[in-house]
Amino acid sequence: MTYRTKMENDTSRVRLEPWSEEDAGLLHALNAPELTAHLGGPETGEQVVLRHRRYVGMSAADPGAGRMFRIVLLPEETVVGSIGFWSQTWDGEPVYETGWAVLPGFQGRGVATAATRAVIAQARTAATEGPEAGTRRHLHAFPSADNAASNAVCRKAGFEPRGERDFEYPAGRPMRCNDWRFDLEDPAQEA
């Protein structure tokens, strides 16, 4: 069993708000070289616009298919990043995948871990309620094997390590990642 401090378990430090039209500027800020170094580098302006459209569309769709959020730091009410979960097939199994990004001035303060715990709760609800209920048991994260900070977020948020895997992100760019998995149906697996 993993023991965590109260601060590590605390999700009250953040609020997740559904992605909206007003978040285009945030997505451009998150496209910085230092934030995308483990993801193949910044996207083009056109790619960011298309990503923003997808994120807005996810907010309008059935939450069981996934959802993107802006991360709001409390009590400051400051938007500090993005996080979400979406449908994916991994090893032949329908799963959810998650990913996040936190602006540089707010990194190293537990924001990503708190937001990841909050998104686990959202994914758990999506996996157990609504039209997609019972179709996805696991939430996966695939941080680059050399991204120590994101791998630490997975560990602190309660994901189980499943080893290194070859992954392609973005499409056509091979990378080595760690496969982390959270069992959304296991009440003993605590976020």
C-alpha atoms as a PDB file:
ATOM      1  CA  MET A   1       0.000   0.000   0.000  1.00  0.00           C
ATOM      2  CA  THR A   2       1.218   3.503  -0.849  1.00  0.00           C
ATOM      3  CA  TYR A   3       1.000   6.111   1.886  1.00  0.00           C
ATOM      4  CA  ARG A   4       0.530   9.703   0.836  1.00  0.00           C
ATOM      5  CA  THR A   5       0.514  12.946   2.729  1.00  0.00           C
ATOM      6  CA  LYS A   6      -2.694  14.939   3.080  1.00  0.00           C
ATOM      7  CA  MET A   7      -1.313  17.456   0.581  1.00  0.00           C
ATOM      8  CA  GLU A   8      -0.679  14.757  -2.027  1.00  0.00           C
ATOM      9  CA  ASN A   9      -4.256  13.483  -1.688  1.00  0.00           C
ATOM     10  CA  ASP A  10      -5.811  16.946  -1.776  1.00  0.00           C
ATOM     11  CA  THR A  11      -7.830  17.811  -4.888  1.00  0.00           C
ATOM     12  CA  SER A  12      -9.383  20.905  -3.265  1.00  0.00           C
ATOM     13  CA  ARG A  13      -6.416  22.987  -4.472  1.00  0.00           C
ATOM     14  CA  VAL A  14      -7.715  22.820  -8.041  1.00  0.00           C
ATOM     15  CA  ARG A  15     -10.993  22.960  -9.902  1.00  0.00           C
ATOM     16  CA  LEU A  16     -11.484  21.401 -13.310  1.00  0.00           C
ATOM     17  CA  GLU A  17     -13.653  23.412 -15.689  1.00  0.00           C
ATOM     18  CA  PRO A  18     -14.806  22.119 -19.094  1.00  0.00           C
ATOM     19  CA  TRP A  19     -12.723  23.383 -21.995  1.00  0.00           C
ATOM     20  CA  SER A  20     -14.383  26.273 -23.822  1.00  0.00           C
ATOM     21  CA  GLU A  21     -13.852  28.734 -26.671  1.00  0.00           C
ATOM     22  CA  GLU A  22     -12.099  31.108 -24.272  1.00  0.00           C
ATOM     23  CA  ASP A  23      -9.268  28.587 -23.702  1.00  0.00           C
ATOM     24  CA  ALA A  24      -7.582  29.061 -27.104  1.00  0.00           C
ATOM     25  CA  GLY A  25      -4.981  31.393 -25.563  1.00  0.00           C
ATOM     26  CA  LEU A  26      -4.192  28.824 -22.858  1.00  0.00           C
ATOM     27  CA  LEU A  27      -3.588  26.152 -25.477  1.00  0.00           C
ATOM     28  CA  HIS A  28      -1.208  28.467 -27.353  1.00  0.00           C
ATOM     29  CA  ALA A  29       0.663  29.147 -24.064  1.00  0.00           C
ATOM     30  CA  LEU A  30       0.914  25.392 -23.388  1.00  0.00           C
ATOM     31  CA  ASN A  31       2.449  24.895 -26.855  1.00  0.00           C
ATOM     32  CA  ALA A  32       5.784  26.319 -25.660  1.00  0.00           C
ATOM     33  CA  PRO A  33       9.024  24.412 -26.410  1.00  0.00           C
ATOM     34  CA  GLU A  34       9.767  23.747 -22.713  1.00  0.00           C
ATOM     35  CA  LEU A  35       6.300  22.192 -22.269  1.00  0.00           C
ATOM     36  CA  THR A  36       6.374  20.061 -25.405  1.00  0.00           C
ATOM     37  CA  ALA A  37       9.975  18.826 -25.316  1.00  0.00           C
ATOM     38  CA  HIS A  38       8.852  15.282 -24.367  1.00  0.00           C
ATOM     39  CA  LEU A  39       6.097  15.346 -27.006  1.00  0.00           C
ATOM     40  CA  GLY A  40       8.042  16.095 -30.147  1.00  0.00           C
ATOM     41  CA  GLY A  41       8.105  19.879 -29.785  1.00  0.00           C
ATOM     42  CA  PRO A  42       5.557  22.616 -30.407  1.00  0.00           C
ATOM     43  CA  GLU A  43       2.741  22.172 -32.895  1.00  0.00           C
ATOM     44  CA  THR A  44       2.135  24.598 -35.746  1.00  0.00           C
ATOM     45  CA  GLY A  45      -0.446  27.335 -35.287  1.00  0.00           C
ATOM     46  CA  GLU A  46      -2.850  25.395 -37.505  1.00  0.00           C
ATOM     47  CA  GLN A  47      -2.389  22.231 -35.425  1.00  0.00           C
ATOM     48  CA  VAL A  48      -3.115  24.183 -32.219  1.00  0.00           C
ATOM     49  CA  VAL A  49      -6.334  25.572 -33.747  1.00  0.00           C
ATOM     50  CA  LEU A  50      -7.420  22.041 -34.726  1.00  0.00           C
ATOM     51  CA  ARG A  51      -6.575  20.727 -31.242  1.00  0.00           C
ATOM     52  CA  HIS A  52      -8.599  23.542 -29.678  1.00  0.00           C
ATOM     53  CA  ARG A  53     -11.597  22.643 -31.889  1.00  0.00           C
ATOM     54  CA  ARG A  54     -11.306  18.985 -30.759  1.00  0.00           C
ATOM     55  CA  TYR A  55     -11.163  20.027 -27.101  1.00  0.00           C
ATOM     56  CA  VAL A  56     -14.221  22.280 -27.459  1.00  0.00           C
ATOM     57  CA  GLY A  57     -16.037  19.440 -29.238  1.00  0.00           C
ATOM     58  CA  MET A  58     -15.224  17.063 -26.389  1.00  0.00           C
ATOM     59  CA  SER A  59     -16.876  19.482 -23.956  1.00  0.00           C
ATOM     60  CA  ALA A  60     -20.052  19.437 -26.045  1.00  0.00           C
ATOM     61  CA  ALA A  61     -20.141  15.641 -26.466  1.00  0.00           C
ATOM     62  CA  ASP A  62     -21.205  12.855 -24.124  1.00  0.00           C
ATOM     63  CA  PRO A  63     -18.795  12.927 -21.158  1.00  0.00           C
ATOM     64  CA  GLY A  64     -18.525   9.149 -21.358  1.00  0.00           C
ATOM     65  CA  ALA A  65     -16.408   9.561 -24.490  1.00  0.00           C
ATOM     66  CA  GLY A  66     -13.992  11.840 -22.635  1.00  0.00           C
ATOM     67  CA  ARG A  67     -13.576  15.434 -21.659  1.00  0.00           C
ATOM     68  CA  MET A  68     -10.940  18.178 -21.632  1.00  0.00           C
ATOM     69  CA  PHE A  69     -10.611  20.685 -18.810  1.00  0.00           C
ATOM     70  CA  ARG A  70      -8.724  23.805 -17.891  1.00  0.00           C
ATOM     71  CA  ILE A  71      -7.061  23.564 -14.476  1.00  0.00           C
ATOM     72  CA  VAL A  72      -7.960  26.398 -12.116  1.00  0.00           C
ATOM     73  CA  LEU A  73      -5.680  26.890  -9.095  1.00  0.00           C
ATOM     74  CA  LEU A  74      -7.528  27.731  -5.872  1.00  0.00           C
ATOM     75  CA  PRO A  75      -7.990  29.997  -4.027  1.00  0.00           C
ATOM     76  CA  GLU A  76      -6.271  32.257  -6.578  1.00  0.00           C
ATOM     77  CA  GLU A  77      -8.811  31.377  -9.324  1.00  0.00           C
ATOM     78  CA  THR A  78      -5.908  31.316 -11.796  1.00  0.00           C
ATOM     79  CA  VAL A  79      -6.012  29.138 -14.919  1.00  0.00           C
ATOM     80  CA  VAL A  80      -2.724  27.190 -14.832  1.00  0.00           C
ATOM     81  CA  GLY A  81      -3.001  24.323 -17.321  1.00  0.00           C
ATOM     82  CA  SER A  82      -5.036  21.638 -19.024  1.00  0.00           C
ATOM     83  CA  ILE A  83      -5.953  18.026 -18.344  1.00  0.00           C
ATOM     84  CA  GLY A  84      -8.374  15.559 -19.806  1.00  0.00           C
ATOM     85  CA  PHE A  85      -9.295  11.987 -20.558  1.00  0.00           C
ATOM     86  CA  TRP A  86     -10.433  10.432 -23.818  1.00  0.00           C
ATOM     87  CA  SER A  87     -11.379   7.080 -25.311  1.00  0.00           C
ATOM     88  CA  GLN A  88      -8.563   4.949 -26.630  1.00  0.00           C
ATOM     89  CA  THR A  89      -7.888   1.311 -27.486  1.00  0.00           C
ATOM     90  CA  TRP A  90      -4.793  -0.126 -25.818  1.00  0.00           C
ATOM     91  CA  ASP A  91      -3.690  -3.746 -26.238  1.00  0.00           C
ATOM     92  CA  GLY A  92      -7.098  -4.496 -27.766  1.00  0.00           C
ATOM     93  CA  GLU A  93      -9.003  -3.144 -24.755  1.00  0.00           C
ATOM     94  CA  PRO A  94     -11.191  -0.013 -24.732  1.00  0.00           C
ATOM     95  CA  VAL A  95      -9.658   2.318 -22.120  1.00  0.00           C
ATOM     96  CA  TYR A  96      -9.422   5.964 -21.222  1.00  0.00           C
ATOM     97  CA  GLU A  97      -6.154   7.825 -21.652  1.00  0.00           C
ATOM     98  CA  THR A  98      -5.178  10.961 -19.755  1.00  0.00           C
ATOM     99  CA  GLY A  99      -2.670  13.733 -20.281  1.00  0.00           C
ATOM    100  CA  TRP A 100      -1.926  17.117 -18.734  1.00  0.00           C
ATOM    101  CA  ALA A 101       0.182  20.243 -19.001  1.00  0.00           C
ATOM    102  CA  VAL A 102       0.870  22.907 -16.365  1.00  0.00           C
ATOM    103  CA  LEU A 103       2.304  26.341 -17.120  1.00  0.00           C
ATOM    104  CA  PRO A 104       5.945  26.726 -15.994  1.00  0.00           C
ATOM    105  CA  GLY A 105       5.293  29.203 -13.180  1.00  0.00           C
ATOM    106  CA  PHE A 106       2.998  26.692 -11.466  1.00  0.00           C
ATOM    107  CA  GLN A 107       5.025  23.498 -11.835  1.00  0.00           C
ATOM    108  CA  GLY A 108       6.575  21.758  -8.834  1.00  0.00           C
ATOM    109  CA  ARG A 109       3.702  22.737  -6.544  1.00  0.00           C
ATOM    110  CA  GLY A 110       1.563  19.585  -6.746  1.00  0.00           C
ATOM    111  CA  VAL A 111      -0.902  21.129  -9.207  1.00  0.00           C
ATOM    112  CA  ALA A 112      -0.567  18.351 -11.806  1.00  0.00           C
ATOM    113  CA  THR A 113      -1.000  15.644  -9.168  1.00  0.00           C
ATOM    114  CA  ALA A 114      -4.105  17.318  -7.696  1.00  0.00           C
ATOM    115  CA  ALA A 115      -5.562  17.793 -11.184  1.00  0.00           C
ATOM    116  CA  THR A 116      -4.792  14.169 -12.094  1.00  0.00           C
ATOM    117  CA  ARG A 117      -6.608  12.965  -8.984  1.00  0.00           C
ATOM    118  CA  ALA A 118      -9.561  15.152  -9.947  1.00  0.00           C
ATOM    119  CA  VAL A 119      -9.605  13.815 -13.515  1.00  0.00           C
ATOM    120  CA  ILE A 120      -9.496  10.242 -12.166  1.00  0.00           C
ATOM    121  CA  ALA A 121     -12.758  11.034 -10.350  1.00  0.00           C
ATOM    122  CA  GLN A 122     -14.241  12.381 -13.609  1.00  0.00           C
ATOM    123  CA  ALA A 123     -13.136   9.295 -15.559  1.00  0.00           C
ATOM    124  CA  ARG A 124     -14.432   6.998 -12.814  1.00  0.00           C
ATOM    125  CA  THR A 125     -17.852   8.664 -13.058  1.00  0.00           C
ATOM    126  CA  ALA A 126     -17.826   8.386 -16.859  1.00  0.00           C
ATOM    127  CA  ALA A 127     -16.876   4.703 -16.600  1.00  0.00           C
ATOM    128  CA  THR A 128     -19.770   3.911 -14.261  1.00  0.00           C
ATOM    129  CA  GLU A 129     -22.610   6.214 -15.387  1.00  0.00           C
ATOM    130  CA  GLY A 130     -24.281   7.155 -18.659  1.00  0.00           C
ATOM    131  CA  PRO A 131     -24.323   5.492 -22.069  1.00  0.00           C
ATOM    132  CA  GLU A 132     -20.657   4.394 -21.967  1.00  0.00           C
ATOM    133  CA  ALA A 133     -20.918   2.836 -18.480  1.00  0.00           C
ATOM    134  CA  GLY A 134     -19.085  -0.445 -18.108  1.00  0.00           C
ATOM    135  CA  THR A 135     -17.158  -0.143 -21.375  1.00  0.00           C
ATOM    136  CA  ARG A 136     -13.848   1.130 -19.949  1.00  0.00           C
ATOM    137  CA  ARG A 137     -12.273  -0.152 -16.767  1.00  0.00           C
ATOM    138  CA  HIS A 138      -8.828   1.436 -16.934  1.00  0.00           C
ATOM    139  CA  LEU A 139      -7.348   4.902 -17.232  1.00  0.00           C
ATOM    140  CA  HIS A 140      -3.845   4.966 -18.742  1.00  0.00           C
ATOM    141  CA  ALA A 141      -1.142   7.619 -18.884  1.00  0.00           C
ATOM    142  CA  PHE A 142       1.843   7.362 -21.226  1.00  0.00           C
ATOM    143  CA  PRO A 143       4.509   9.886 -20.206  1.00  0.00           C
ATOM    144  CA  SER A 144       7.845   9.750 -21.974  1.00  0.00           C
ATOM    145  CA  ALA A 145      10.202   7.409 -20.121  1.00  0.00           C
ATOM    146  CA  ASP A 146      12.606  10.308 -19.603  1.00  0.00           C
ATOM    147  CA  ASN A 147       9.966  12.738 -18.286  1.00  0.00           C
ATOM    148  CA  ALA A 148      10.659  12.360 -14.556  1.00  0.00           C
ATOM    149  CA  ALA A 149       8.070  14.949 -13.489  1.00  0.00           C
ATOM    150  CA  SER A 150       5.129  13.354 -15.335  1.00  0.00           C
ATOM    151  CA  ASN A 151       6.121   9.872 -14.193  1.00  0.00           C
ATOM    152  CA  ALA A 152       6.174  11.174 -10.595  1.00  0.00           C
ATOM    153  CA  VAL A 153       2.645  12.577 -11.080  1.00  0.00           C
ATOM    154  CA  CYS A 154       1.445   9.114 -12.133  1.00  0.00           C
ATOM    155  CA  ARG A 155       3.047   7.480  -9.105  1.00  0.00           C
ATOM    156  CA  LYS A 156       1.689  10.075  -6.654  1.00  0.00           C
ATOM    157  CA  ALA A 157      -1.803   9.911  -8.191  1.00  0.00           C
ATOM    158  CA  GLY A 158      -2.000   6.152  -7.574  1.00  0.00           C
ATOM    159  CA  PHE A 159      -1.383   4.712 -11.035  1.00  0.00           C
ATOM    160  CA  GLU A 160       0.284   1.312 -11.277  1.00  0.00           C
ATOM    161  CA  PRO A 161       3.441   1.083 -13.412  1.00  0.00           C
ATOM    162  CA  ARG A 162       3.223  -1.459 -16.226  1.00  0.00           C
ATOM    163  CA  GLY A 163       6.646  -0.973 -17.767  1.00  0.00           C
ATOM    164  CA  GLU A 164       8.149   0.782 -20.741  1.00  0.00           C
ATOM    165  CA  ARG A 165       6.455   0.558 -24.122  1.00  0.00           C
ATOM    166  CA  ASP A 166       6.973   1.889 -27.608  1.00  0.00           C
ATOM    167  CA  PHE A 167       4.476   4.590 -28.417  1.00  0.00           C
ATOM    168  CA  GLU A 168       3.872   6.928 -31.317  1.00  0.00           C
ATOM    169  CA  TYR A 169       3.206  10.576 -30.498  1.00  0.00           C
ATOM    170  CA  PRO A 170       2.560  12.608 -32.408  1.00  0.00           C
ATOM    171  CA  ALA A 171       1.598  10.299 -35.260  1.00  0.00           C
ATOM    172  CA  GLY A 172       4.728   9.150 -37.063  1.00  0.00           C
ATOM    173  CA  ARG A 173       7.100   9.987 -34.180  1.00  0.00           C
ATOM    174  CA  PRO A 174       8.178   6.922 -32.181  1.00  0.00           C
ATOM    175  CA  MET A 175       8.969   7.411 -28.512  1.00  0.00           C
ATOM    176  CA  ARG A 176       9.646   5.276 -25.459  1.00  0.00           C
ATOM    177  CA  CYS A 177       7.033   5.801 -22.761  1.00  0.00           C
ATOM    178  CA  ASN A 178       5.996   4.344 -19.460  1.00  0.00           C
ATOM    179  CA  ASP A 179       2.578   2.716 -19.351  1.00  0.00           C
ATOM    180  CA  TRP A 180       0.786   3.672 -16.124  1.00  0.00           C
ATOM    181  CA  ARG A 181      -2.681   2.258 -15.371  1.00  0.00           C
ATOM    182  CA  PHE A 182      -5.412   3.141 -12.901  1.00  0.00           C
ATOM    183  CA  ASP A 183      -8.265   0.660 -12.274  1.00  0.00           C
ATOM    184  CA  LEU A 184     -11.442   2.765 -12.258  1.00  0.00           C
ATOM    185  CA  GLU A 185     -13.576  -0.131 -10.974  1.00  0.00           C
ATOM    186  CA  ASP A 186     -11.365  -1.090  -8.055  1.00  0.00           C
ATOM    187  CA  PRO A 187     -12.529   0.806  -4.945  1.00  0.00           C
ATOM    188  CA  ALA A 188      -9.294  -0.200  -3.212  1.00  0.00           C
ATOM    189  CA  GLN A 189      -7.246   1.672  -5.823  1.00  0.00           C
ATOM    190  CA  GLU A 190      -7.245   5.086  -4.283  1.00  0.00           C
ATOM    191  CA  ALA A 191      -6.556   8.246  -6.231  1.00  0.00           C
END
